[in-house]
C-alpha atoms as a PDB file:
ATOM      1  CA  MET A   1       3.084  43.895   3.718  1.00  0.00           C
ATOM      2  CA  HIS A   2       2.624  42.438   0.286  1.00  0.00           C
ATOM      3  CA  ASN A   3       2.700  45.708  -1.937  1.00  0.00           C
ATOM      4  CA  TRP A   4       3.720  45.724  -5.775  1.00  0.00           C
ATOM      5  CA  ASN A   5       3.665  48.453  -8.300  1.00  0.00           C
ATOM      6  CA  PRO A   6       1.599  46.975 -11.260  1.00  0.00           C
ATOM      7  CA  GLN A   7       3.040  49.483 -13.624  1.00  0.00           C
ATOM      8  CA  SER A   8       6.507  47.950 -13.246  1.00  0.00           C
ATOM      9  CA  ALA A   9       5.063  44.935 -14.869  1.00  0.00           C
ATOM     10  CA  GLY A  10       3.746  46.780 -17.854  1.00  0.00           C
ATOM     11  CA  LEU A  11       0.018  46.088 -16.883  1.00  0.00           C
ATOM     12  CA  SER A  12      -2.557  48.344 -18.561  1.00  0.00           C
ATOM     13  CA  PRO A  13      -4.941  50.521 -16.279  1.00  0.00           C
ATOM     14  CA  LYS A  14      -7.866  48.116 -17.462  1.00  0.00           C
ATOM     15  CA  VAL A  15      -5.914  45.017 -15.821  1.00  0.00           C
ATOM     16  CA  ILE A  16      -5.010  47.049 -12.758  1.00  0.00           C
ATOM     17  CA  MET A  17      -8.931  47.383 -12.164  1.00  0.00           C
ATOM     18  CA  GLU A  18      -9.540  43.684 -12.762  1.00  0.00           C
ATOM     19  CA  GLU A  19      -6.754  42.119 -10.774  1.00  0.00           C
ATOM     20  CA  SER A  20      -5.606  42.353  -7.171  1.00  0.00           C
ATOM     21  CA  LEU A  21      -1.756  42.222  -7.151  1.00  0.00           C
ATOM     22  CA  LEU A  22       0.343  40.956  -3.943  1.00  0.00           C
ATOM     23  CA  GLU A  23       4.148  41.055  -3.916  1.00  0.00           C
ATOM     24  CA  LEU A  24       6.091  37.939  -2.474  1.00  0.00           C
ATOM     25  CA  ASP A  25       9.431  39.234  -4.065  1.00  0.00           C
ATOM     26  CA  PRO A  26      10.482  42.723  -4.796  1.00  0.00           C
ATOM     27  CA  GLN A  27      12.478  41.291  -7.857  1.00  0.00           C
ATOM     28  CA  ALA A  28       9.499  39.131  -8.985  1.00  0.00           C
ATOM     29  CA  ASP A  29      10.057  37.295 -12.111  1.00  0.00           C
ATOM     30  CA  ALA A  30       6.863  35.208 -12.382  1.00  0.00           C
ATOM     31  CA  LEU A  31       3.183  35.936 -11.833  1.00  0.00           C
ATOM     32  CA  LEU A  32       1.014  33.022 -10.220  1.00  0.00           C
ATOM     33  CA  ILE A  33      -2.252  33.397 -11.011  1.00  0.00           C
ATOM     34  CA  PRO A  34      -5.097  31.340  -9.166  1.00  0.00           C
ATOM     35  CA  GLN A  35      -8.257  30.635 -11.134  1.00  0.00           C
ATOM     36  CA  LYS A  36     -11.372  32.017  -9.106  1.00  0.00           C
ATOM     37  CA  PRO A  37      -9.570  32.497  -5.658  1.00  0.00           C
ATOM     38  CA  ASN A  38     -11.248  32.849  -2.656  1.00  0.00           C
ATOM     39  CA  LEU A  39     -10.552  36.478  -1.920  1.00  0.00           C
ATOM     40  CA  HIS A  40     -12.689  36.854   1.371  1.00  0.00           C
ATOM     41  CA  SER A  41     -10.066  34.954   3.473  1.00  0.00           C
ATOM     42  CA  LEU A  42      -7.125  36.622   2.820  1.00  0.00           C
ATOM     43  CA  HIS A  43      -5.498  37.522   6.072  1.00  0.00           C
ATOM     44  CA  GLU A  44      -4.688  41.435   5.301  1.00  0.00           C
ATOM     45  CA  PRO A  45      -6.645  43.915   3.251  1.00  0.00           C
ATOM     46  CA  ILE A  46      -5.073  44.457  -0.311  1.00  0.00           C
ATOM     47  CA  ASP A  47      -6.579  47.741  -1.119  1.00  0.00           C
ATOM     48  CA  GLU A  48      -9.773  49.374  -1.595  1.00  0.00           C
ATOM     49  CA  CYS A  49     -10.816  47.985  -4.967  1.00  0.00           C
ATOM     50  CA  ALA A  50      -9.987  44.398  -3.704  1.00  0.00           C
ATOM     51  CA  SER A  51     -13.541  43.451  -2.842  1.00  0.00           C
ATOM     52  CA  VAL A  52     -14.632  43.926  -6.421  1.00  0.00           C
ATOM     53  CA  THR A  53     -11.751  42.554  -8.437  1.00  0.00           C
ATOM     54  CA  SER A  54     -12.338  38.915  -9.795  1.00  0.00           C
ATOM     55  CA  THR A  55      -8.536  37.929 -10.241  1.00  0.00           C
ATOM     56  CA  ILE A  56      -5.605  37.965  -7.532  1.00  0.00           C
ATOM     57  CA  VAL A  57      -2.049  37.711  -8.758  1.00  0.00           C
ATOM     58  CA  PHE A  58       0.799  36.544  -6.774  1.00  0.00           C
ATOM     59  CA  CYS A  59       4.195  38.178  -7.814  1.00  0.00           C
ATOM     60  CA  VAL A  60       6.684  35.517  -7.097  1.00  0.00           C
ATOM     61  CA  SER A  61      10.278  34.248  -7.438  1.00  0.00           C
ATOM     62  CA  ALA A  62      10.283  31.599  -9.782  1.00  0.00           C
ATOM     63  CA  LYS A  63      13.499  30.199  -8.101  1.00  0.00           C
ATOM     64  CA  HIS A  64      11.977  29.823  -4.892  1.00  0.00           C
ATOM     65  CA  LEU A  65       9.003  28.057  -6.315  1.00  0.00           C
ATOM     66  CA  CYS A  66      11.452  25.560  -8.082  1.00  0.00           C
ATOM     67  CA  LEU A  67      13.270  24.948  -5.010  1.00  0.00           C
ATOM     68  CA  ALA A  68      10.205  24.270  -2.994  1.00  0.00           C
ATOM     69  CA  SER A  69       8.312  22.085  -5.561  1.00  0.00           C
ATOM     70  CA  PRO A  70       8.891  19.589  -8.198  1.00  0.00           C
ATOM     71  CA  VAL A  71       5.788  20.496  -9.773  1.00  0.00           C
ATOM     72  CA  PHE A  72       6.533  23.965 -10.115  1.00  0.00           C
ATOM     73  CA  ARG A  73       9.975  23.255 -11.382  1.00  0.00           C
ATOM     74  CA  LYS A  74       8.731  21.046 -14.002  1.00  0.00           C
ATOM     75  CA  ILE A  75       6.249  23.589 -15.085  1.00  0.00           C
ATOM     76  CA  ILE A  76       8.839  26.606 -14.936  1.00  0.00           C
ATOM     77  CA  GLN A  77      11.591  24.470 -16.646  1.00  0.00           C
ATOM     78  CA  GLY A  78       9.709  22.248 -19.069  1.00  0.00           C
ATOM     79  CA  LYS A  79       8.211  23.218 -22.305  1.00  0.00           C
ATOM     80  CA  PHE A  80       5.108  24.394 -21.305  1.00  0.00           C
ATOM     81  CA  LYS A  81       3.430  27.732 -21.949  1.00  0.00           C
ATOM     82  CA  GLU A  82       4.133  28.904 -18.320  1.00  0.00           C
ATOM     83  CA  SER A  83       8.069  28.574 -19.164  1.00  0.00           C
ATOM     84  CA  GLU A  84       7.853  31.101 -21.852  1.00  0.00           C
ATOM     85  CA  PRO A  85       8.127  34.926 -20.420  1.00  0.00           C
ATOM     86  CA  ASN A  86       5.375  37.518 -21.597  1.00  0.00           C
ATOM     87  CA  ASP A  87       6.202  40.734 -23.049  1.00  0.00           C
ATOM     88  CA  GLN A  88       7.331  42.115 -19.879  1.00  0.00           C
ATOM     89  CA  GLY A  89       9.492  39.223 -19.291  1.00  0.00           C
ATOM     90  CA  LEU A  90       7.427  37.602 -16.525  1.00  0.00           C
ATOM     91  CA  LEU A  91       6.400  34.057 -16.346  1.00  0.00           C
ATOM     92  CA  GLU A  92       2.753  33.542 -16.088  1.00  0.00           C
ATOM     93  CA  ILE A  93       1.708  30.443 -14.084  1.00  0.00           C
ATOM     94  CA  ARG A  94      -1.916  29.722 -13.716  1.00  0.00           C
ATOM     95  CA  THR A  95      -3.051  27.531 -10.950  1.00  0.00           C
ATOM     96  CA  SER A  96      -6.174  25.620  -9.576  1.00  0.00           C
ATOM     97  CA  GLU A  97      -9.011  27.207  -7.738  1.00  0.00           C
ATOM     98  CA  TRP A  98      -7.335  27.016  -4.549  1.00  0.00           C
ATOM     99  CA  ASN A  99      -8.115  28.905  -1.298  1.00  0.00           C
ATOM    100  CA  ALA A 100      -6.297  32.320  -1.677  1.00  0.00           C
ATOM    101  CA  GLU A 101      -5.537  32.762   2.023  1.00  0.00           C
ATOM    102  CA  ALA A 102      -3.940  29.047   2.251  1.00  0.00           C
ATOM    103  CA  LEU A 103      -1.956  29.685  -0.897  1.00  0.00           C
ATOM    104  CA  LEU A 104      -0.762  33.049   0.406  1.00  0.00           C
ATOM    105  CA  ILE A 105       0.635  31.397   3.768  1.00  0.00           C
ATOM    106  CA  ILE A 106       2.270  28.827   1.759  1.00  0.00           C
ATOM    107  CA  LEU A 107       3.985  31.295  -0.801  1.00  0.00           C
ATOM    108  CA  ASP A 108       5.109  33.337   2.616  1.00  0.00           C
ATOM    109  CA  ILE A 109       6.561  30.298   3.822  1.00  0.00           C
ATOM    110  CA  ILE A 110       8.423  29.498   0.564  1.00  0.00           C
ATOM    111  CA  HIS A 111       9.543  33.024   0.254  1.00  0.00           C
ATOM    112  CA  GLY A 112      11.130  33.304   3.809  1.00  0.00           C
ATOM    113  CA  HIS A 113       8.335  35.788   5.035  1.00  0.00           C
ATOM    114  CA  ASN A 114       8.309  34.427   8.568  1.00  0.00           C
ATOM    115  CA  THR A 115       6.654  37.273  10.017  1.00  0.00           C
ATOM    116  CA  SER A 116       3.865  37.142   7.823  1.00  0.00           C
ATOM    117  CA  VAL A 117       2.820  33.450   8.556  1.00  0.00           C
ATOM    118  CA  PRO A 118       0.177  33.260  11.123  1.00  0.00           C
ATOM    119  CA  GLN A 119       0.933  31.587  14.439  1.00  0.00           C
ATOM    120  CA  ARG A 120      -2.222  29.767  14.880  1.00  0.00           C
ATOM    121  CA  PRO A 121      -4.330  29.139  11.607  1.00  0.00           C
ATOM    122  CA  SER A 122      -7.517  27.535  11.844  1.00  0.00           C
ATOM    123  CA  LEU A 123      -8.186  23.684  10.953  1.00  0.00           C
ATOM    124  CA  GLU A 124     -10.013  24.661   7.997  1.00  0.00           C
ATOM    125  CA  VAL A 125      -7.242  26.952   6.654  1.00  0.00           C
ATOM    126  CA  ILE A 126      -4.645  24.014   7.596  1.00  0.00           C
ATOM    127  CA  LYS A 127      -6.755  21.786   5.717  1.00  0.00           C
ATOM    128  CA  GLN A 128      -6.827  23.831   2.649  1.00  0.00           C
ATOM    129  CA  ILE A 129      -2.947  24.263   2.993  1.00  0.00           C
ATOM    130  CA  GLY A 130      -2.525  20.460   2.957  1.00  0.00           C
ATOM    131  CA  LEU A 131      -4.453  20.160  -0.142  1.00  0.00           C
ATOM    132  CA  ILE A 132      -2.279  22.452  -1.837  1.00  0.00           C
ATOM    133  CA  ILE A 133       1.081  21.235  -0.574  1.00  0.00           C
ATOM    134  CA  ASP A 134       0.121  17.661  -1.638  1.00  0.00           C
ATOM    135  CA  TYR A 135      -0.667  18.934  -5.324  1.00  0.00           C
ATOM    136  CA  TYR A 136       2.447  20.756  -5.701  1.00  0.00           C
ATOM    137  CA  ASP A 137       4.586  18.272  -3.612  1.00  0.00           C
ATOM    138  CA  CYS A 138       6.186  20.634  -1.318  1.00  0.00           C
ATOM    139  CA  LEU A 139       5.302  18.917   1.891  1.00  0.00           C
ATOM    140  CA  GLU A 140       8.976  19.103   3.214  1.00  0.00           C
ATOM    141  CA  ALA A 141       9.290  22.907   2.440  1.00  0.00           C
ATOM    142  CA  VAL A 142       6.658  23.706   4.876  1.00  0.00           C
ATOM    143  CA  ARG A 143       6.906  20.881   7.360  1.00  0.00           C
ATOM    144  CA  ILE A 144       8.678  22.892  10.068  1.00  0.00           C
ATOM    145  CA  VAL A 145       5.959  25.291  10.089  1.00  0.00           C
ATOM    146  CA  PHE A 146       3.484  22.539  10.654  1.00  0.00           C
ATOM    147  CA  VAL A 147       5.514  21.217  13.788  1.00  0.00           C
ATOM    148  CA  TYR A 148       5.239  24.930  15.157  1.00  0.00           C
ATOM    149  CA  TRP A 149       1.473  25.183  14.496  1.00  0.00           C
ATOM    150  CA  HIS A 150       0.659  21.892  15.920  1.00  0.00           C
ATOM    151  CA  ALA A 151       2.660  22.734  18.857  1.00  0.00           C
ATOM    152  CA  SER A 152       0.889  26.068  19.116  1.00  0.00           C
ATOM    153  CA  ILE A 153      -2.494  24.741  18.622  1.00  0.00           C
ATOM    154  CA  ARG A 154      -1.987  21.735  20.964  1.00  0.00           C
ATOM    155  CA  ASP A 155      -0.548  23.964  23.829  1.00  0.00           C
ATOM    156  CA  GLY A 156      -3.261  26.469  23.353  1.00  0.00           C
ATOM    157  CA  LYS A 157      -5.842  23.701  23.898  1.00  0.00           C
ATOM    158  CA  THR A 158      -7.668  24.747  20.693  1.00  0.00           C
ATOM    159  CA  TYR A 159      -8.035  21.291  19.052  1.00  0.00           C
ATOM    160  CA  PRO A 160     -11.331  19.764  19.729  1.00  0.00           C
ATOM    161  CA  CYS A 161     -11.786  17.303  22.612  1.00  0.00           C
ATOM    162  CA  LEU A 162     -10.759  13.685  22.081  1.00  0.00           C
ATOM    163  CA  PRO A 163     -12.004  10.635  24.007  1.00  0.00           C
ATOM    164  CA  SER A 164      -9.379   9.337  26.631  1.00  0.00           C
ATOM    165  CA  HIS A 165      -8.956   5.589  27.484  1.00  0.00           C
ATOM    166  CA  GLU A 166     -11.492   6.148  30.171  1.00  0.00           C
ATOM    167  CA  ASP A 167     -14.273   7.208  28.006  1.00  0.00           C
ATOM    168  CA  GLY A 168     -14.742   3.496  26.630  1.00  0.00           C
ATOM    169  CA  ILE A 169     -17.931   3.092  24.470  1.00  0.00           C
ATOM    170  CA  ILE A 170     -19.475   6.282  25.607  1.00  0.00           C
ATOM    171  CA  TYR A 171     -17.819   8.834  23.035  1.00  0.00           C
ATOM    172  CA  LYS A 172     -20.649  10.240  20.845  1.00  0.00           C
ATOM    173  CA  GLY A 173     -18.732  12.075  18.122  1.00  0.00           C
ATOM    174  CA  LEU A 174     -17.749  10.826  14.532  1.00  0.00           C
ATOM    175  CA  PHE A 175     -14.191  11.007  13.012  1.00  0.00           C
ATOM    176  CA  GLY A 176     -14.911  13.917  10.500  1.00  0.00           C
ATOM    177  CA  ASP A 177     -13.033  16.565   8.714  1.00  0.00           C
ATOM    178  CA  GLY A 178     -11.729  18.207  11.656  1.00  0.00           C
ATOM    179  CA  GLU A 179     -10.219  15.158  13.371  1.00  0.00           C
ATOM    180  CA  THR A 180      -8.742  14.091  10.022  1.00  0.00           C
ATOM    181  CA  THR A 181      -6.950  17.336   9.725  1.00  0.00           C
ATOM    182  CA  MET A 182      -5.618  16.718  13.103  1.00  0.00           C
ATOM    183  CA  LEU A 183      -4.468  13.344  12.292  1.00  0.00           C
ATOM    184  CA  PHE A 184      -2.613  15.070   9.234  1.00  0.00           C
ATOM    185  CA  MET A 185      -1.157  17.687  11.561  1.00  0.00           C
ATOM    186  CA  ALA A 186       0.058  14.983  14.135  1.00  0.00           C
ATOM    187  CA  TRP A 187       1.436  12.987  11.413  1.00  0.00           C
ATOM    188  CA  MET A 188       3.291  16.260   9.792  1.00  0.00           C
ATOM    189  CA  ALA A 189       4.680  17.047  13.462  1.00  0.00           C
ATOM    190  CA  GLN A 190       5.537  13.470  14.144  1.00  0.00           C
ATOM    191  CA  ASP A 191       3.799  13.894  17.687  1.00  0.00           C
ATOM    192  CA  GLN A 192       3.734  10.124  18.573  1.00  0.00           C
ATOM    193  CA  GLU A 193       1.358  10.816  21.590  1.00  0.00           C
ATOM    194  CA  TYR A 194      -1.512  12.571  19.719  1.00  0.00           C
ATOM    195  CA  PHE A 195      -1.146  10.393  16.714  1.00  0.00           C
ATOM    196  CA  LYS A 196      -1.737   7.532  18.960  1.00  0.00           C
ATOM    197  CA  LEU A 197      -4.763   9.194  20.481  1.00  0.00           C
ATOM    198  CA  LEU A 198      -6.212  10.350  17.223  1.00  0.00           C
ATOM    199  CA  THR A 199      -5.908   6.993  15.533  1.00  0.00           C
ATOM    200  CA  ARG A 200      -7.605   5.433  18.468  1.00  0.00           C
ATOM    201  CA  CYS A 201     -10.337   7.940  18.190  1.00  0.00           C
ATOM    202  CA  ALA A 202     -10.717   6.930  14.373  1.00  0.00           C
ATOM    203  CA  ILE A 203     -10.647   3.130  15.306  1.00  0.00           C
ATOM    204  CA  LEU A 204     -13.623   3.699  17.749  1.00  0.00           C
ATOM    205  CA  THR A 205     -15.709   6.203  15.846  1.00  0.00           C
ATOM    206  CA  ALA A 206     -15.015   6.020  12.396  1.00  0.00           C
ATOM    207  CA  ASN A 207     -18.107   4.161  10.165  1.00  0.00           C
ATOM    208  CA  GLY A 208     -15.852   3.359   7.178  1.00  0.00           C
ATOM    209  CA  LEU A 209     -12.448   3.811   5.764  1.00  0.00           C
ATOM    210  CA  VAL A 210     -11.372   7.393   6.494  1.00  0.00           C
ATOM    211  CA  GLU A 211     -11.212   9.292   3.188  1.00  0.00           C
ATOM    212  CA  THR A 212      -9.459  12.512   2.652  1.00  0.00           C
ATOM    213  CA  HIS A 213      -7.395  14.469   0.260  1.00  0.00           C
ATOM    214  CA  LEU A 214      -4.881  15.310   2.633  1.00  0.00           C
ATOM    215  CA  PRO A 215      -1.487  13.845   2.191  1.00  0.00           C
ATOM    216  CA  VAL A 216      -1.935  11.289   5.013  1.00  0.00           C
ATOM    217  CA  PRO A 217      -0.266   7.908   3.987  1.00  0.00           C
ATOM    218  CA  ALA A 218      -2.712   5.493   2.671  1.00  0.00           C
ATOM    219  CA  GLN A 219      -1.072   2.787   5.000  1.00  0.00           C
ATOM    220  CA  ILE A 220      -2.218   4.663   8.349  1.00  0.00           C
ATOM    221  CA  LEU A 221      -5.758   4.885   6.923  1.00  0.00           C
ATOM    222  CA  GLU A 222      -5.924   1.210   5.787  1.00  0.00           C
ATOM    223  CA  ASN A 223      -4.619   0.027   9.143  1.00  0.00           C
ATOM    224  CA  ILE A 224      -7.179   2.056  10.800  1.00  0.00           C
ATOM    225  CA  ASN A 225      -9.947   0.756   8.824  1.00  0.00           C
ATOM    226  CA  ASN A 226      -8.523  -2.974   9.387  1.00  0.00           C
ATOM    227  CA  LYS A 227      -8.271  -2.515  13.302  1.00  0.00           C
ATOM    228  CA  ARG A 228     -12.105  -0.872  13.188  1.00  0.00           C
ATOM    229  CA  CYS A 229     -13.234  -4.008  11.225  1.00  0.00           C
ATOM    230  CA  GLU A 230     -11.410  -6.413  13.341  1.00  0.00           C
ATOM    231  CA  ILE A 231     -13.198  -5.181  16.590  1.00  0.00           C
ATOM    232  CA  ILE A 232     -16.428  -4.839  15.131  1.00  0.00           C
ATOM    233  CA  ASP A 233     -16.279  -8.317  13.648  1.00  0.00           C
ATOM    234  CA  GLN A 234     -15.377  -9.435  17.172  1.00  0.00           C
ATOM    235  CA  MET A 235     -18.335  -7.660  18.702  1.00  0.00           C
ATOM    236  CA  ILE A 236     -21.070  -8.179  16.149  1.00  0.00           C
ATOM    237  CA  SER A 237     -20.238 -12.010  15.968  1.00  0.00           C
ATOM    238  CA  GLU A 238     -21.236 -12.207  19.670  1.00  0.00           C
ATOM    239  CA  ILE A 239     -24.687 -11.200  18.566  1.00  0.00           C
ATOM    240  CA  TYR A 240     -25.199 -13.413  15.647  1.00  0.00           C
ATOM    241  CA  SER A 241     -23.203 -16.543  17.147  1.00  0.00           C
ATOM    242  CA  LEU A 242     -25.693 -16.251  20.011  1.00  0.00           C
ATOM    243  CA  MET A 243     -28.793 -16.004  17.533  1.00  0.00           C
ATOM    244  CA  ASP A 244     -27.493 -19.275  15.808  1.00  0.00           C
ATOM    245  CA  ASP A 245     -27.141 -20.998  19.218  1.00  0.00           C
ATOM    246  CA  LEU A 246     -30.624 -20.097  20.180  1.00  0.00           C
ATOM    247  CA  ILE A 247     -31.762 -21.458  16.843  1.00  0.00           C
ATOM    248  CA  GLU A 248     -30.057 -24.603  17.267  1.00  0.00           C
ATOM    249  CA  GLY A 249     -31.029 -25.097  20.774  1.00  0.00           C
ATOM    250  CA  ARG A 250     -27.407 -24.465  22.270  1.00  0.00           C
ATOM    251  CA  ALA A 251     -28.510 -21.695  24.387  1.00  0.00           C
ATOM    252  CA  GLY A 252     -31.419 -21.409  26.696  1.00  0.00           C
ATOM    253  CA  CYS A 253     -32.380 -23.939  29.337  1.00  0.00           C
ATOM    254  CA  SER A 254     -35.232 -25.201  27.062  1.00  0.00           C
ATOM    255  CA  GLU A 255     -36.937 -24.822  23.769  1.00  0.00           C
ATOM    256  CA  GLU A 256     -39.393 -22.574  25.054  1.00  0.00           C
ATOM    257  CA  CYS A 257     -36.522 -20.508  26.708  1.00  0.00           C
ATOM    258  CA  SER A 258     -34.496 -20.554  23.507  1.00  0.00           C
ATOM    259  CA  CYS A 259     -37.352 -19.217  21.273  1.00  0.00           C
ATOM    260  CA  ARG A 260     -38.243 -16.543  23.876  1.00  0.00           C
ATOM    261  CA  LEU A 261     -34.858 -15.072  24.055  1.00  0.00           C
ATOM    262  CA  LEU A 262     -34.403 -15.451  20.256  1.00  0.00           C
ATOM    263  CA  GLY A 263     -37.276 -13.513  19.508  1.00  0.00           C
ATOM    264  CA  PHE A 264     -36.318 -10.805  22.079  1.00  0.00           C
ATOM    265  CA  LEU A 265     -32.686 -10.706  20.317  1.00  0.00           C
ATOM    266  CA  ILE A 266     -34.200 -10.492  16.767  1.00  0.00           C
ATOM    267  CA  LYS A 267     -36.650  -7.769  17.748  1.00  0.00           C
ATOM    268  CA  GLN A 268     -33.932  -5.621  19.534  1.00  0.00           C
ATOM    269  CA  THR A 269     -31.429  -6.034  16.806  1.00  0.00           C
ATOM    270  CA  HIS A 270     -34.260  -4.958  14.237  1.00  0.00           C
ATOM    271  CA  GLN A 271     -35.006  -2.026  16.416  1.00  0.00           C
ATOM    272  CA  GLN A 272     -31.200  -1.056  16.113  1.00  0.00           C
ATOM    273  CA  SER A 273     -31.241  -1.364  12.667  1.00  0.00           C
ATOM    274  CA  LEU A 274     -29.301  -4.629  12.264  1.00  0.00           C
ATOM    275  CA  PRO A 275     -29.858  -6.820   9.584  1.00  0.00           C
ATOM    276  CA  VAL A 276     -31.332 -10.566   9.983  1.00  0.00           C
ATOM    277  CA  GLU A 277     -27.934 -11.899   8.715  1.00  0.00           C
ATOM    278  CA  LYS A 278     -24.635 -11.111  10.024  1.00  0.00           C
ATOM    279  CA  PRO A 279     -23.045  -8.024   8.187  1.00  0.00           C
ATOM    280  CA  GLU A 280     -19.725  -8.466   6.436  1.00  0.00           C
ATOM    281  CA  ARG A 281     -16.541  -6.505   6.173  1.00  0.00           C
ATOM    282  CA  PRO A 282     -15.941  -3.736   5.590  1.00  0.00           C
ATOM    283  CA  PHE A 283     -18.996  -2.920   7.652  1.00  0.00           C
ATOM    284  CA  TRP A 284     -19.787   0.238   6.006  1.00  0.00           C
ATOM    285  CA  GLY A 285     -22.058   2.445   8.222  1.00  0.00           C
ATOM    286  CA  TYR A 286     -21.027   0.765  11.478  1.00  0.00           C
ATOM    287  CA  SER A 287     -18.560   2.202  14.184  1.00  0.00           C
ATOM    288  CA  VAL A 288     -17.074   0.241  17.020  1.00  0.00           C
ATOM    289  CA  VAL A 289     -18.807   2.785  19.327  1.00  0.00           C
ATOM    290  CA  TYR A 290     -22.248   2.279  17.444  1.00  0.00           C
ATOM    291  CA  ILE A 291     -21.967  -1.440  17.820  1.00  0.00           C
ATOM    292  CA  GLY A 292     -20.875  -1.335  21.505  1.00  0.00           C
ATOM    293  CA  ARG A 293     -24.014   0.817  22.249  1.00  0.00           C
ATOM    294  CA  ILE A 294     -26.266  -1.728  20.502  1.00  0.00           C
ATOM    295  CA  ILE A 295     -25.041  -4.482  22.533  1.00  0.00           C
ATOM    296  CA  GLY A 296     -25.129  -2.515  25.698  1.00  0.00           C
ATOM    297  CA  ARG A 297     -28.889  -2.033  24.849  1.00  0.00           C
ATOM    298  CA  ILE A 298     -29.986  -5.439  24.379  1.00  0.00           C
ATOM    299  CA  GLU A 299     -31.887  -6.445  27.444  1.00  0.00           C
ATOM    300  CA  THR A 300     -34.621  -9.459  28.403  1.00  0.00           C
ATOM    301  CA  ARG A 301     -36.149 -10.694  31.253  1.00  0.00           C
ATOM    302  CA  ARG A 302     -34.642 -13.484  32.923  1.00  0.00           C
ATOM    303  CA  CYS A 303     -35.818 -17.218  32.230  1.00  0.00           C
ATOM    304  CA  ASN A 304     -38.319 -17.897  35.468  1.00  0.00           C
ATOM    305  CA  THR A 305     -36.550 -21.494  35.557  1.00  0.00           C
ATOM    306  CA  SER A 306     -32.906 -20.831  35.387  1.00  0.00           C
ATOM    307  CA  GLY A 307     -32.442 -17.079  34.937  1.00  0.00           C
ATOM    308  CA  CYS A 308     -31.192 -17.346  31.671  1.00  0.00           C
ATOM    309  CA  ALA A 309     -30.683 -13.762  29.914  1.00  0.00           C
ATOM    310  CA  LEU A 310     -29.330 -12.352  26.761  1.00  0.00           C
ATOM    311  CA  GLN A 311     -26.832 -10.227  28.647  1.00  0.00           C
ATOM    312  CA  ALA A 312     -24.738 -13.173  29.791  1.00  0.00           C
ATOM    313  CA  ARG A 313     -23.778 -13.761  26.373  1.00  0.00           C
ATOM    314  CA  LEU A 314     -23.069 -10.128  25.182  1.00  0.00           C
ATOM    315  CA  GLY A 315     -20.394  -8.862  27.332  1.00  0.00           C
ATOM    316  CA  LEU A 316     -17.458  -8.174  25.002  1.00  0.00           C
ATOM    317  CA  TYR A 317     -15.973  -4.694  25.769  1.00  0.00           C
ATOM    318  CA  GLN A 318     -19.077  -3.606  27.760  1.00  0.00           C
ATOM    319  CA  LYS A 319     -17.023  -3.076  31.088  1.00  0.00           C
ATOM    320  CA  LYS A 320     -15.956   0.651  31.778  1.00  0.00           C
ATOM    321  CA  ASN A 321     -12.461   1.128  30.399  1.00  0.00           C
ATOM    322  CA  GLU A 322     -12.204  -2.125  28.615  1.00  0.00           C
ATOM    323  CA  LEU A 323     -12.745  -0.952  25.025  1.00  0.00           C
ATOM    324  CA  GLY A 324     -10.334   1.870  25.661  1.00  0.00           C
ATOM    325  CA  THR A 325      -7.847  -0.645  26.997  1.00  0.00           C
ATOM    326  CA  ALA A 326      -8.409  -2.823  23.877  1.00  0.00           C
ATOM    327  CA  VAL A 327      -7.815   0.071  21.421  1.00  0.00           C
ATOM    328  CA  PRO A 328      -4.772   1.899  22.136  1.00  0.00           C
ATOM    329  CA  GLY A 329      -4.248   3.445  18.857  1.00  0.00           C
ATOM    330  CA  LEU A 330      -1.422   3.023  16.238  1.00  0.00           C
ATOM    331  CA  ASP A 331       2.466   3.736  16.804  1.00  0.00           C
ATOM    332  CA  LEU A 332       3.755   6.404  14.539  1.00  0.00           C
ATOM    333  CA  GLU A 333       7.187   4.625  14.365  1.00  0.00           C
ATOM    334  CA  ASP A 334       5.568   1.795  12.444  1.00  0.00           C
ATOM    335  CA  PHE A 335       5.026   4.238   9.537  1.00  0.00           C
ATOM    336  CA  GLN A 336       8.278   5.794   8.970  1.00  0.00           C
END
C-alpha cells in the first residue's frame, strides 16, 4: 500500500482536499509532484476523494532518486529551486505531465517495492514507462524488470502476432506503435530472436523511418530504414527499368508489342498510385510489402506472336518465402 499521513508533512486541510498523496518511503524527504497526471490509470485506489483531486503527490526518498537517475541527482544536488527544502524540510520536485500509473511503477522499482510492480503491464503502460525512463536517464535502474516483463509477455503469448519467414509478402499489418514498443522491449531484454523478428517486420512493413520517443538507439532505426530502402529500390527498379526498355524497344518482340505492353504497364502503375517517374529514396509512404503487392498485381495478356508478357520481367521476390528469406532481420550483437 502507498499510504501516507499528510499531516506529518505539515499540509493544511485545504491542500489535503486538493492533493492525493502516495507514500513510496516511510521516511520520505521529498515530494514528487507531476503536473496534471493521468489519475485514472493508477493500479490501486488512493482514497475516496482521489477521483475529484487535481494533483497527485508522491512522497519519495531523494537518495533513491539520485542513485537511479543522474537527472534527478542534478536537480536535487544542484542550485535549483527544487534543491531547497520547504518549511516542513521536504524537497518539492515538479515533473512533466507523465502518465501517473507509469510513473508510480517506476518509483516502486526505484524504491525496491517489488511486490507492487505489476507482473505483466500493457504495452501502452510500458510505452509510457519507456518515455519517462528515457527523460530521466534511469534505463539501467529498471532494465532487470523489463527483462522479466518481456519474458512474461512473450511466454504468455500476449504480444501481437508477427509475420514468420513463410509469410513472404502477404503480411498486411503496418509497423505501428505496438510493434515499436515491442522492439524497445526486445532491445531492453537483449532478446536476439525477437529482436531479429521485429526488425524484419519493420523492414517489410514500415513505410518510412520508424520514429519514436522511446530510447531505441537511432542506429537501429537507421539500419532498418536503410535495409527497407535497399529492397524497395531493387523491387521498384524492376518496374521502371522495364518501362525504359519498352520505350527504347529493348523489350517486346516488335514495336507494336512494346507499345502495347508499355500502355498496360503505365496504366497499372498509375492505378496503384505509382508516379510516372521512379520514386527516389527514402521512398516515404512505400513499404516493401506494398511494392511487392503492386508487382504481383501487374498483369497483361500475352503477345500473340511470341507470348511476351510483363510478368516475365517482374519476378523479384514474388515466389513464396523468397522475400522472407531475403530479409532475415538485424542482429542484436551488431548494436552492442
